[in-house]
Amino acid sequence: MGMNYIDAEMLKKAFLAGAKGLEANKEWINELNVFPVPDGDTGTNMTMTILSAAREVAAIENPTMESLAKAISSGSLRGARGNSGVILSQLFRGFTKEIKTVDVITTTTLANAFNRGTETAYKAVMKPKEGTILTVAKGMADKASELVSQTEDIIEFARKVIEHGDYVLSQTPEMLPILKEAGVVDSGGQGLMQVLKGCLDGLTGKEMDLSVEGARTQAPLQTAPPAEEFDIKFGYCTEFIINLEKEYNQKSEHEFKGYLESIGDSIVVVSDDDMVKVHVHTNDPGLAIQKALTFGSLSRMKIDNMREEHQERLIKDAEKLAKQQKEKEAMEPRKAYGFIAVSIGDGMSEIFRGIGADYLIEGGQTMNPSTEDMLNAIDCVNADTIYILPNNKNIILAAEQARSLVKDKKIIVVPSKTVPQGITAIINFAPDLPWKENLELMIQEMGRVKSGQITYAVRNTSIDGMEITEGDIMGIGDSGMLAVGKDVESTALKTLRAMVDDESELISIYYGEDVKESEAEAFYEKAQEAFSGCEIELHNGGQPIYYYMISVE
């Protein structure tokens, strides 16, 4: 028997299943990143975007199309991270505009919603590029329009649309040569396909856990002092009761405790006649459970992810600090202008503060901040005009999305794609110039900056004609790969040679958290010998993942 409509309850289940489908495959999607760098983050960004919406959707007890549409659109819009996350949020935004006024969704509604979502996403991107998530979305929207006159069965319709989406995705390497050379399909398109396949699983009744972490209507009271950053050695708090069915004596209890100590800590084992109460912190709850099953059946099982709980506390503490800063800012006179910069690494952040940044958003390469992070930062800067420096090409869209949501301040997004560009932009800001002229000046000066980043490869691939092996050191420039080598220093020097020309005057070197000061100074001395015609500066950037960030002006 076919399915001719989707009601609000069915849509809620399908959307949550779609979020789970993406979350389950996020690491695989991360690995599709063209550059084999350790911060491949498309899967993570899209997952965090959809989970932001899923938390709001899961909290709706008696859903209507209107309430679901609002939750999906608002949640994904504010939670959007990275280009792929922003585009996904725009697809949802257009889709929900089409469904919010209907009681049930038919194939006609779906076709219209697919097309409206695609149109909205294309408009959000200044220079849409084919061979990306946009192409995959458009291919499915076109197929939906073709199928709408052929069937009223939602499941048949969805399967054929998804089948065509997979085909379009498989063709993305033919549209973008860099994908073909790297031997991957578009990661954003793959993420979108996982969402839709998850939605279809939800509609067809596939059994799955649809619970969403953090989906609650009211946050718990903060009763503990602010959490501090620390390393949680064993991530899962695991508790259960063993209902004894086999012999369990002092010897077996001693051996059981010894086993638990080999896989974790914080161990409590209490025996009472025919049952044993167990508590252990471990990185693999399954091992503890398998061992316990050798003594009998289990009940009252409870597994909590302590790292996530700790992270939630850190987020709440950060929100509290942001609120305090906002209150402090409100007491100060409103300024004519202010700066928000995205930064990562203590050294980099100190540099930005030193040149006038009012608010720093922790993020960048390893964790793209969300639209909500941008909005919170804007709230904390008490200025009429605020310049946002994303300092990463994958953050610019989220900044633009935040700008479109702010009405009481003038928000200027400076399209800085690297940290050195952001530093140059602020340094060249002229307080007496109008905002348009300042923006033009900053963009002009950023154009004089060449940026390079030194990191390591996480997989084998081929890019820009260079064969790369997992573990190789790579020098990545503004437009592609500049150097590949086996050690950091020689690859960094080779990268510099590709960046420096006869007009170069200043080289700035920012060393990361994985580089010792003595190593950085040795590299600095070799750079001075090799490029004696340039002034060279060395800074402790403290950034993760990237051994060096380099700029040449």
Protein backbone atom coordinates (compact mmCIF):
# COMPACT_ATOMS: atom_id res chain seq x y z
CA MET A 1 0.00 0.00 0.00
CA GLY A 2 1.40 3.38 -0.99
CA MET A 3 1.81 6.54 1.07
CA ASN A 4 0.05 9.52 -0.48
CA TYR A 5 0.79 12.18 2.14
CA ILE A 6 3.05 13.14 5.04
CA ASP A 7 1.43 14.65 8.13
CA ALA A 8 3.21 16.68 10.83
CA GLU A 9 4.05 13.69 13.05
CA MET A 10 5.50 11.82 10.08
CA LEU A 11 7.52 14.88 9.04
CA LYS A 12 8.93 15.24 12.54
CA LYS A 13 10.06 11.60 12.53
CA ALA A 14 11.48 11.90 9.01
CA PHE A 15 13.46 15.05 9.82
CA LEU A 16 14.95 13.57 12.99
CA ALA A 17 15.85 10.42 11.05
CA GLY A 18 17.52 12.63 8.42
CA ALA A 19 19.59 14.34 11.11
CA LYS A 20 20.62 10.94 12.47
CA GLY A 21 21.50 9.74 8.98
CA LEU A 22 23.88 12.65 8.53
CA GLU A 23 25.36 12.38 12.02
CA ALA A 24 26.12 8.68 11.54
CA ASN A 25 28.16 9.44 8.41
CA LYS A 26 29.82 12.74 9.35
CA GLU A 27 33.36 11.36 9.65
CA TRP A 28 33.10 9.64 6.27
CA ILE A 29 31.93 12.93 4.76
CA ASN A 30 34.80 14.79 6.47
CA GLU A 31 37.24 12.46 4.72
CA LEU A 32 35.92 13.58 1.32
CA ASN A 33 37.57 16.95 1.80
CA VAL A 34 39.62 17.74 -1.34
CA PHE A 35 42.67 18.83 0.62
CA PRO A 36 43.70 15.91 2.87
CA VAL A 37 44.14 18.17 5.89
CA PRO A 38 43.28 17.10 9.45
CA ASP A 39 40.53 19.73 9.72
CA GLY A 40 38.23 18.34 7.00
CA ASP A 41 34.98 19.55 8.46
CA THR A 42 32.09 19.42 5.95
CA GLY A 43 30.44 16.50 7.73
CA THR A 44 30.88 18.11 11.13
CA ASN A 45 29.57 21.49 9.96
CA MET A 46 26.48 20.01 8.28
CA THR A 47 25.79 17.75 11.26
CA MET A 48 26.00 20.60 13.77
CA THR A 49 23.75 22.68 11.53
CA ILE A 50 21.00 20.07 11.26
CA LEU A 51 21.28 19.05 14.93
CA SER A 52 20.66 22.66 15.91
CA ALA A 53 17.31 22.36 14.12
CA ALA A 54 16.70 18.78 15.31
CA ARG A 55 16.90 19.87 18.96
CA GLU A 56 14.08 22.35 18.37
CA VAL A 57 12.06 19.83 16.37
CA ALA A 58 12.45 17.12 19.01
CA ALA A 59 11.15 19.48 21.70
CA ILE A 60 7.78 19.96 19.90
CA GLU A 61 5.25 17.61 21.54
CA ASN A 62 2.21 18.19 19.32
CA PRO A 63 3.71 19.28 16.00
CA THR A 64 1.98 21.18 13.24
CA MET A 65 3.46 21.95 9.85
CA GLU A 66 3.82 25.58 10.89
CA SER A 67 5.63 24.80 14.16
CA LEU A 68 7.93 22.29 12.45
CA ALA A 69 8.70 24.69 9.61
CA LYS A 70 9.64 27.41 12.11
CA ALA A 71 11.82 25.06 14.16
CA ILE A 72 13.63 23.64 11.13
CA SER A 73 14.22 27.02 9.52
CA SER A 74 15.16 28.98 12.65
CA GLY A 75 17.24 26.20 14.22
CA SER A 76 19.29 25.51 11.11
CA LEU A 77 19.66 29.20 10.26
CA ARG A 78 21.16 30.11 13.63
CA GLY A 79 23.15 26.90 13.97
CA ALA A 80 24.64 27.02 10.47
CA ARG A 81 28.42 26.43 10.31
CA GLY A 82 30.69 26.58 7.30
CA ASN A 83 29.64 27.06 3.69
CA SER A 84 28.02 23.64 3.50
CA GLY A 85 26.05 24.25 6.70
CA VAL A 86 24.83 27.67 5.55
CA ILE A 87 23.73 26.23 2.18
CA LEU A 88 21.95 23.37 3.97
CA SER A 89 20.16 25.89 6.19
CA GLN A 90 19.08 27.85 3.09
CA LEU A 91 17.75 24.66 1.47
CA PHE A 92 15.70 24.06 4.62
CA ARG A 93 14.60 27.70 4.70
CA GLY A 94 13.14 27.57 1.20
CA PHE A 95 11.69 24.09 1.74
CA THR A 96 9.86 25.14 4.92
CA LYS A 97 8.41 28.27 3.32
CA GLU A 98 6.57 25.96 0.94
CA ILE A 99 5.24 23.49 3.55
CA LYS A 100 4.33 25.78 6.45
CA THR A 101 0.83 26.60 5.18
CA VAL A 102 -0.33 23.05 4.34
CA ASP A 103 -1.82 20.40 6.60
CA VAL A 104 -0.25 17.46 4.78
CA ILE A 105 2.57 17.14 2.26
CA THR A 106 1.90 15.49 -1.11
CA THR A 107 4.26 14.78 -3.99
CA THR A 108 3.20 18.12 -5.48
CA THR A 109 4.10 19.90 -2.24
CA LEU A 110 7.44 18.09 -2.15
CA ALA A 111 8.29 19.03 -5.73
CA ASN A 112 7.46 22.69 -5.05
CA ALA A 113 9.42 22.61 -1.78
CA PHE A 114 12.49 21.03 -3.43
CA ASN A 115 12.49 23.75 -6.08
CA ARG A 116 11.94 26.60 -3.63
CA GLY A 117 14.71 25.29 -1.38
CA THR A 118 17.12 25.13 -4.30
CA GLU A 119 16.24 28.64 -5.47
CA THR A 120 16.74 30.03 -1.96
CA ALA A 121 20.14 28.33 -1.59
CA TYR A 122 21.39 29.54 -4.99
CA LYS A 123 20.44 33.12 -4.11
CA ALA A 124 22.38 32.92 -0.84
CA VAL A 125 25.66 32.17 -2.63
CA MET A 126 27.22 35.13 -4.42
CA LYS A 127 29.02 33.03 -7.04
CA PRO A 128 27.36 29.59 -7.18
CA LYS A 129 29.72 26.88 -8.38
CA GLU A 130 28.52 23.75 -10.18
CA GLY A 131 29.75 20.38 -8.99
CA THR A 132 28.77 21.16 -5.40
CA ILE A 133 25.87 20.57 -3.00
CA LEU A 134 23.91 23.16 -5.02
CA THR A 135 24.19 21.05 -8.19
CA VAL A 136 23.01 17.95 -6.34
CA ALA A 137 20.05 19.84 -4.86
CA LYS A 138 19.09 21.29 -8.25
CA GLY A 139 19.31 17.88 -9.91
CA MET A 140 16.87 16.44 -7.37
CA ALA A 141 14.55 19.44 -7.67
CA ASP A 142 14.41 19.00 -11.46
CA LYS A 143 13.73 15.28 -11.05
CA ALA A 144 10.97 16.02 -8.53
CA SER A 145 9.28 18.34 -11.02
CA GLU A 146 9.46 15.60 -13.67
CA LEU A 147 8.04 12.91 -11.37
CA VAL A 148 5.17 14.88 -9.89
CA SER A 149 2.85 14.03 -12.79
CA GLN A 150 3.83 10.36 -12.74
CA THR A 151 3.07 9.25 -9.18
CA GLU A 152 1.27 10.27 -6.00
CA ASP A 153 3.12 7.68 -3.91
CA ILE A 154 5.48 9.58 -1.59
CA ILE A 155 7.84 6.62 -1.09
CA GLU A 156 8.18 5.83 -4.80
CA PHE A 157 8.63 9.54 -5.51
CA ALA A 158 11.30 9.94 -2.81
CA ARG A 159 13.25 6.85 -3.87
CA LYS A 160 13.46 8.01 -7.48
CA VAL A 161 14.48 11.54 -6.47
CA ILE A 162 17.21 10.14 -4.20
CA GLU A 163 18.38 7.72 -6.89
CA HIS A 164 18.77 10.66 -9.27
CA GLY A 165 20.56 12.67 -6.55
CA ASP A 166 23.09 9.86 -6.21
CA TYR A 167 23.65 9.96 -9.96
CA VAL A 168 24.19 13.75 -10.00
CA LEU A 169 26.57 13.38 -7.06
CA SER A 170 28.57 10.76 -8.95
CA GLN A 171 29.00 13.28 -11.78
CA THR A 172 30.40 16.10 -9.60
CA PRO A 173 34.04 15.09 -10.31
CA GLU A 174 33.32 15.68 -14.02
CA MET A 175 32.17 19.23 -13.19
CA LEU A 176 35.02 20.16 -10.83
CA PRO A 177 38.47 18.99 -11.95
CA ILE A 178 39.86 19.32 -8.44
CA LEU A 179 37.37 16.66 -7.25
CA LYS A 180 38.40 14.36 -10.08
CA GLU A 181 42.10 14.79 -9.35
CA ALA A 182 41.55 14.09 -5.64
CA GLY A 183 39.37 11.08 -6.46
CA VAL A 184 36.35 12.20 -4.42
CA VAL A 185 32.77 13.37 -4.96
CA ASP A 186 31.57 16.66 -3.48
CA SER A 187 31.41 16.30 0.30
CA GLY A 188 28.50 18.75 0.73
CA GLY A 189 26.46 16.88 -1.87
CA GLN A 190 27.20 13.60 -0.11
CA GLY A 191 26.03 15.15 3.16
CA LEU A 192 22.75 16.22 1.58
CA MET A 193 22.19 12.70 0.25
CA GLN A 194 22.68 11.23 3.73
CA VAL A 195 20.04 13.61 5.10
CA LEU A 196 17.48 12.57 2.49
CA LYS A 197 18.25 8.86 2.82
CA GLY A 198 17.77 9.19 6.57
CA CYS A 199 14.44 10.97 6.00
CA LEU A 200 13.30 8.12 3.74
CA ASP A 201 14.28 5.58 6.41
CA GLY A 202 12.13 7.52 8.87
CA LEU A 203 9.15 7.50 6.50
CA THR A 204 9.40 3.79 5.75
CA GLY A 205 9.46 2.88 9.43
CA LYS A 206 13.06 1.75 9.78
CA GLU A 207 13.83 1.25 13.47
CA MET A 208 16.31 3.81 14.78
CA ASP A 209 17.08 5.92 17.79
CA LEU A 210 15.58 9.37 17.14
CA SER A 211 16.60 10.94 20.44
CA VAL A 212 18.62 14.14 20.08
CA GLU A 213 21.23 15.21 22.62
CA GLY A 214 20.31 18.52 24.24
CA ALA A 215 16.68 18.47 23.02
CA ARG A 216 14.95 20.05 25.98
CA THR A 217 12.69 23.03 26.32
CA GLN A 218 14.36 24.36 29.45
CA ALA A 219 18.02 24.25 30.35
CA PRO A 220 18.89 22.68 33.72
CA LEU A 221 19.84 24.97 36.57
CA GLN A 222 23.57 25.64 36.85
CA THR A 223 24.45 24.42 40.33
CA ALA A 224 28.16 23.71 39.93
CA PRO A 225 31.01 26.21 39.64
CA PRO A 226 32.19 27.05 36.10
CA ALA A 227 33.74 24.08 34.34
CA GLU A 228 37.38 24.25 33.38
CA GLU A 229 38.99 22.79 30.32
CA PHE A 230 40.55 19.41 31.08
CA ASP A 231 41.16 16.13 29.36
CA ILE A 232 38.61 13.42 30.13
CA LYS A 233 40.61 10.19 29.87
CA PHE A 234 37.61 7.85 29.84
CA GLY A 235 34.57 9.31 28.11
CA TYR A 236 31.58 7.09 28.98
CA CYS A 237 30.03 6.76 32.43
CA THR A 238 28.64 3.22 32.32
CA GLU A 239 26.26 1.75 34.90
CA PHE A 240 24.21 -1.46 35.02
CA ILE A 241 23.00 -4.27 37.25
CA ILE A 242 24.00 -7.90 36.61
CA ASN A 243 21.19 -10.35 37.44
CA LEU A 244 23.40 -13.30 38.38
CA GLU A 245 22.73 -16.57 36.57
CA LYS A 246 26.17 -18.20 37.03
CA GLU A 247 28.53 -18.67 39.95
CA TYR A 248 29.95 -15.38 41.21
CA ASN A 249 32.33 -15.59 44.17
CA GLN A 250 35.16 -13.53 45.67
CA LYS A 251 37.62 -14.77 43.07
CA SER A 252 35.36 -13.95 40.11
CA GLU A 253 34.59 -10.54 41.62
CA HIS A 254 38.32 -9.83 42.02
CA GLU A 255 38.95 -10.88 38.39
CA PHE A 256 35.98 -8.81 37.18
CA LYS A 257 37.24 -5.71 38.98
CA GLY A 258 40.71 -6.30 37.53
CA TYR A 259 39.26 -6.46 34.04
CA LEU A 260 37.31 -3.22 34.56
CA GLU A 261 40.50 -1.53 35.80
CA SER A 262 42.21 -2.54 32.54
CA ILE A 263 39.61 -0.69 30.46
CA GLY A 264 38.67 2.25 32.69
CA ASP A 265 38.59 3.94 36.10
CA SER A 266 36.14 5.21 38.78
CA ILE A 267 35.12 1.60 39.34
CA VAL A 268 32.44 0.58 41.83
CA VAL A 269 31.34 -3.08 42.03
CA VAL A 270 28.85 -3.96 44.79
CA SER A 271 27.53 -7.53 45.16
CA ASP A 272 24.30 -8.50 46.93
CA ASP A 273 23.08 -12.11 46.78
CA ASP A 274 21.77 -12.53 43.23
CA MET A 275 22.78 -9.17 41.74
CA VAL A 276 25.84 -7.00 41.18
CA LYS A 277 25.75 -3.20 40.82
CA VAL A 278 28.49 -1.91 38.46
CA HIS A 279 29.80 1.58 37.74
CA VAL A 280 32.81 2.30 35.48
CA HIS A 281 34.22 5.13 33.36
CA THR A 282 35.54 3.70 30.09
CA ASN A 283 36.09 4.51 26.42
CA ASP A 284 34.38 1.29 25.33
CA PRO A 285 31.20 0.47 27.32
CA GLY A 286 30.68 -2.57 25.09
CA LEU A 287 33.70 -4.33 26.61
CA ALA A 288 32.34 -3.89 30.14
CA ILE A 289 28.91 -5.10 29.03
CA GLN A 290 30.27 -8.15 27.20
CA LYS A 291 32.27 -9.20 30.27
CA ALA A 292 29.26 -8.69 32.55
CA LEU A 293 27.07 -10.87 30.32
CA THR A 294 29.27 -13.85 31.13
CA PHE A 295 27.76 -13.75 34.66
CA GLY A 296 24.10 -13.18 33.77
CA SER A 297 21.55 -10.82 32.22
CA LEU A 298 21.72 -7.02 32.55
CA SER A 299 19.18 -4.42 33.65
CA ARG A 300 19.02 -0.70 34.44
CA MET A 301 21.72 0.04 31.87
CA LYS A 302 22.80 3.68 31.62
CA ILE A 303 25.61 5.12 29.46
CA ASP A 304 26.40 8.86 29.48
CA ASN A 305 28.91 10.66 27.28
CA MET A 306 30.86 12.68 29.83
CA ARG A 307 32.80 14.61 27.18
CA GLU A 308 29.55 15.95 25.68
CA GLU A 309 28.21 16.81 29.13
CA HIS A 310 31.43 18.63 29.95
CA GLN A 311 31.30 20.48 26.63
CA GLU A 312 27.71 21.56 27.34
CA ARG A 313 28.84 23.00 30.66
CA LEU A 314 31.67 24.83 28.92
CA ILE A 315 29.18 26.27 26.42
CA LYS A 316 26.87 27.42 29.23
CA ASP A 317 29.79 29.02 31.02
CA ALA A 318 30.80 30.77 27.79
CA GLU A 319 27.24 32.03 27.35
CA LYS A 320 27.28 33.32 30.91
CA LEU A 321 30.57 35.14 30.32
CA ALA A 322 29.20 36.57 27.06
CA LYS A 323 26.15 37.85 28.91
CA GLN A 324 28.35 39.47 31.53
CA GLN A 325 30.47 41.08 28.80
CA LYS A 326 27.34 42.33 27.08
CA GLU A 327 26.11 43.92 30.30
CA LYS A 328 29.53 45.52 30.78
CA GLU A 329 29.50 46.82 27.19
CA ALA A 330 25.99 48.27 27.70
CA MET A 331 27.30 50.43 30.54
CA GLU A 332 29.98 51.93 28.32
CA PRO A 333 29.36 54.69 25.74
CA ARG A 334 28.41 53.37 22.29
CA LYS A 335 31.34 53.54 19.88
CA ALA A 336 31.25 54.57 16.23
CA TYR A 337 32.82 51.29 15.09
CA GLY A 338 34.08 47.96 16.41
CA PHE A 339 35.77 44.78 15.21
CA ILE A 340 34.92 41.10 15.57
CA ALA A 341 37.60 38.63 14.47
CA VAL A 342 37.58 34.85 14.23
CA SER A 343 40.77 33.53 15.78
CA ILE A 344 42.28 30.36 17.19
CA GLY A 345 45.41 30.06 19.28
CA ASP A 346 46.41 32.26 22.22
CA GLY A 347 49.12 34.02 20.25
CA MET A 348 46.85 34.86 17.34
CA SER A 349 44.17 36.12 19.69
CA GLU A 350 46.68 38.32 21.52
CA ILE A 351 47.77 39.82 18.19
CA PHE A 352 44.17 40.63 17.25
CA ARG A 353 43.51 42.23 20.63
CA GLY A 354 46.68 44.26 20.27
CA ILE A 355 45.59 45.76 16.94
CA GLY A 356 42.08 46.68 18.09
CA ALA A 357 39.71 43.69 17.89
CA ASP A 358 36.84 44.20 20.34
CA TYR A 359 35.60 40.60 20.38
CA LEU A 360 37.20 37.32 19.35
CA ILE A 361 35.22 34.29 18.26
CA GLU A 362 37.08 31.09 19.00
CA GLY A 363 37.13 29.04 15.83
CA GLY A 364 38.62 29.00 12.39
CA GLN A 365 40.12 25.97 10.68
CA THR A 366 39.38 23.37 13.35
CA MET A 367 35.87 24.51 14.25
CA ASN A 368 33.88 26.91 12.10
CA PRO A 369 31.73 29.19 14.29
CA SER A 370 27.98 29.24 13.69
CA THR A 371 25.68 32.06 12.66
CA GLU A 372 24.51 32.09 16.30
CA ASP A 373 28.10 32.59 17.48
CA MET A 374 28.32 35.59 15.16
CA LEU A 375 25.04 37.02 16.48
CA ASN A 376 26.16 36.61 20.09
CA ALA A 377 29.42 38.40 19.28
CA ILE A 378 27.54 41.25 17.57
CA ASP A 379 25.37 41.62 20.68
CA CYS A 380 28.50 42.03 22.80
CA VAL A 381 30.06 44.84 20.76
CA ASN A 382 28.51 48.19 21.63
CA ALA A 383 29.12 50.01 18.34
CA ASP A 384 27.08 51.55 15.52
CA THR A 385 29.14 49.87 12.79
CA ILE A 386 30.78 46.49 13.31
CA TYR A 387 33.35 44.94 10.98
CA ILE A 388 33.47 41.12 11.04
CA LEU A 389 36.68 39.41 9.92
CA PRO A 390 35.92 35.70 9.26
CA ASN A 391 39.59 34.93 8.40
CA ASN A 392 38.52 31.74 6.64
CA LYS A 393 36.70 31.29 3.32
CA ASN A 394 34.46 28.69 4.97
CA ILE A 395 33.16 31.19 7.54
CA ILE A 396 32.26 34.12 5.28
CA LEU A 397 28.78 32.79 4.44
CA ALA A 398 27.89 32.34 8.12
CA ALA A 399 29.00 35.93 8.77
CA GLU A 400 26.89 37.16 5.85
CA GLN A 401 23.91 35.21 7.21
CA ALA A 402 24.36 36.83 10.63
CA ARG A 403 24.58 40.26 8.98
CA SER A 404 21.21 39.73 7.30
CA LEU A 405 19.58 39.00 10.68
CA VAL A 406 20.80 42.15 12.48
CA LYS A 407 18.67 45.29 12.25
CA ASP A 408 19.98 47.68 14.94
CA LYS A 409 23.65 47.87 13.87
CA LYS A 410 25.51 48.27 10.60
CA ILE A 411 27.38 45.02 9.99
CA ILE A 412 30.23 44.92 7.47
CA VAL A 413 31.64 41.53 6.54
CA VAL A 414 35.24 41.93 5.42
CA PRO A 415 35.90 38.88 3.18
CA SER A 416 39.19 37.86 4.81
CA LYS A 417 40.01 34.26 3.93
CA THR A 418 43.09 33.85 6.14
CA VAL A 419 44.34 35.13 9.48
CA PRO A 420 47.13 37.22 7.86
CA GLN A 421 44.51 38.90 5.65
CA GLY A 422 42.44 39.72 8.74
CA ILE A 423 45.44 41.23 10.51
CA THR A 424 46.25 43.34 7.45
CA ALA A 425 42.64 44.51 7.17
CA ILE A 426 42.46 45.85 10.73
CA ILE A 427 45.91 47.47 10.54
CA ASN A 428 44.84 49.40 7.42
CA PHE A 429 41.51 50.58 8.83
CA ALA A 430 41.22 54.38 8.66
CA PRO A 431 38.88 55.81 11.38
CA ASP A 432 38.10 58.98 9.42
CA LEU A 433 36.90 57.21 6.27
CA PRO A 434 33.24 56.22 5.59
CA TRP A 435 32.53 52.46 5.89
CA LYS A 436 32.38 51.88 2.12
CA GLU A 437 35.79 53.46 1.53
CA ASN A 438 37.22 51.56 4.49
CA LEU A 439 35.90 48.28 3.14
CA GLU A 440 37.43 49.02 -0.27
CA LEU A 441 40.74 49.95 1.38
CA MET A 442 40.84 46.80 3.51
CA ILE A 443 40.01 44.56 0.54
CA GLN A 444 42.66 46.31 -1.55
CA GLU A 445 45.33 45.82 1.12
CA MET A 446 44.29 42.19 1.73
CA GLY A 447 44.84 41.62 -1.97
CA ARG A 448 48.54 42.35 -1.46
CA VAL A 449 48.87 39.52 1.09
CA LYS A 450 49.88 36.00 0.08
CA SER A 451 49.08 33.36 2.67
CA GLY A 452 50.57 29.93 3.26
CA GLN A 453 49.78 27.17 5.76
CA ILE A 454 51.94 24.22 6.74
CA THR A 455 50.21 21.06 7.95
CA TYR A 456 50.21 17.28 7.44
CA ALA A 457 48.23 14.98 5.13
CA VAL A 458 45.67 12.56 6.53
CA ARG A 459 45.32 10.41 3.40
CA ASN A 460 46.89 9.61 0.04
CA THR A 461 45.76 11.75 -2.88
CA SER A 462 46.89 13.85 -5.83
CA ILE A 463 46.35 17.63 -6.01
CA ASP A 464 47.71 20.23 -8.41
CA GLY A 465 49.87 17.55 -9.98
CA MET A 466 51.52 16.67 -6.66
CA GLU A 467 51.37 13.12 -5.30
CA ILE A 468 50.64 13.20 -1.58
CA THR A 469 51.07 10.32 0.88
CA GLU A 470 49.45 10.12 4.31
CA GLY A 471 51.79 11.77 6.82
CA ASP A 472 53.45 14.06 4.27
CA ILE A 473 53.95 17.73 5.18
CA MET A 474 52.05 20.11 2.89
CA GLY A 475 52.36 23.80 2.11
CA ILE A 476 48.97 25.16 1.03
CA GLY A 477 48.64 28.60 -0.55
CA ASP A 478 45.72 30.86 -1.43
CA SER A 479 44.98 29.01 -4.65
CA GLY A 480 46.21 25.49 -4.04
CA MET A 481 49.12 23.27 -3.12
CA LEU A 482 52.55 24.94 -3.05
CA ALA A 483 54.83 22.24 -1.64
CA VAL A 484 54.93 18.67 -0.38
CA GLY A 485 57.74 17.19 1.71
CA LYS A 486 58.71 14.86 4.53
CA ASP A 487 59.66 17.39 7.22
CA VAL A 488 58.18 20.67 8.44
CA GLU A 489 61.14 23.03 8.07
CA SER A 490 62.17 22.14 4.51
CA THR A 491 58.53 22.14 3.32
CA ALA A 492 57.94 25.53 4.93
CA LEU A 493 61.03 26.94 3.18
CA LYS A 494 59.88 25.46 -0.13
CA THR A 495 56.45 27.04 0.43
CA LEU A 496 58.07 30.41 1.06
CA ARG A 497 60.07 30.15 -2.16
CA ALA A 498 56.82 29.65 -4.04
CA MET A 499 55.33 32.76 -2.37
CA VAL A 500 58.20 35.28 -2.44
CA ASP A 501 58.92 37.30 -5.58
CA ASP A 502 60.96 40.40 -6.47
CA GLU A 503 58.29 42.74 -5.07
CA SER A 504 58.01 41.00 -1.69
CA GLU A 505 59.04 43.13 1.28
CA LEU A 506 57.66 41.59 4.48
CA ILE A 507 57.39 37.96 5.61
CA SER A 508 55.40 37.20 8.78
CA ILE A 509 55.74 33.74 10.34
CA TYR A 510 53.25 32.49 12.97
CA TYR A 511 54.25 29.21 14.61
CA GLY A 512 51.68 26.82 16.03
CA GLU A 513 51.23 24.94 19.28
CA ASP A 514 53.05 21.86 17.96
CA VAL A 515 56.24 23.79 17.15
CA LYS A 516 58.84 24.44 19.84
CA GLU A 517 60.15 27.99 20.15
CA SER A 518 63.68 26.76 19.39
CA GLU A 519 62.43 25.07 16.18
CA ALA A 520 60.61 28.23 15.13
CA GLU A 521 63.72 30.35 15.75
CA ALA A 522 65.84 27.92 13.68
CA PHE A 523 63.34 28.19 10.81
CA TYR A 524 63.33 32.00 11.21
CA GLU A 525 67.14 32.10 10.86
CA LYS A 526 67.08 29.93 7.73
CA ALA A 527 64.35 32.13 6.25
CA GLN A 528 66.53 35.20 6.92
CA GLU A 529 69.43 33.57 5.05
CA ALA A 530 67.24 32.52 2.12
CA PHE A 531 65.30 35.80 1.80
CA SER A 532 67.76 38.46 2.89
CA GLY A 533 65.96 41.11 0.85
CA CYS A 534 62.82 40.87 2.99
CA GLU A 535 62.03 42.00 6.50
CA ILE A 536 61.00 38.90 8.48
CA GLU A 537 58.89 38.79 11.66
CA LEU A 538 58.36 35.76 13.92
CA HIS A 539 55.25 35.44 16.13
CA ASN A 540 53.92 32.77 18.47
CA GLY A 541 50.50 32.07 16.96
CA GLY A 542 49.69 29.04 19.10
CA GLN A 543 47.30 27.68 16.45
CA PRO A 544 46.51 23.94 16.36
CA ILE A 545 46.78 21.69 13.27
CA TYR A 546 48.95 24.14 11.32
CA TYR A 547 52.66 24.11 12.17
CA TYR A 548 53.13 27.50 10.52
CA MET A 549 50.92 30.20 9.06
CA ILE A 550 52.91 32.46 6.78
CA SER A 551 52.15 35.74 5.03
CA VAL A 552 54.15 37.54 2.36
CA GLU A 553 53.50 41.18 1.46
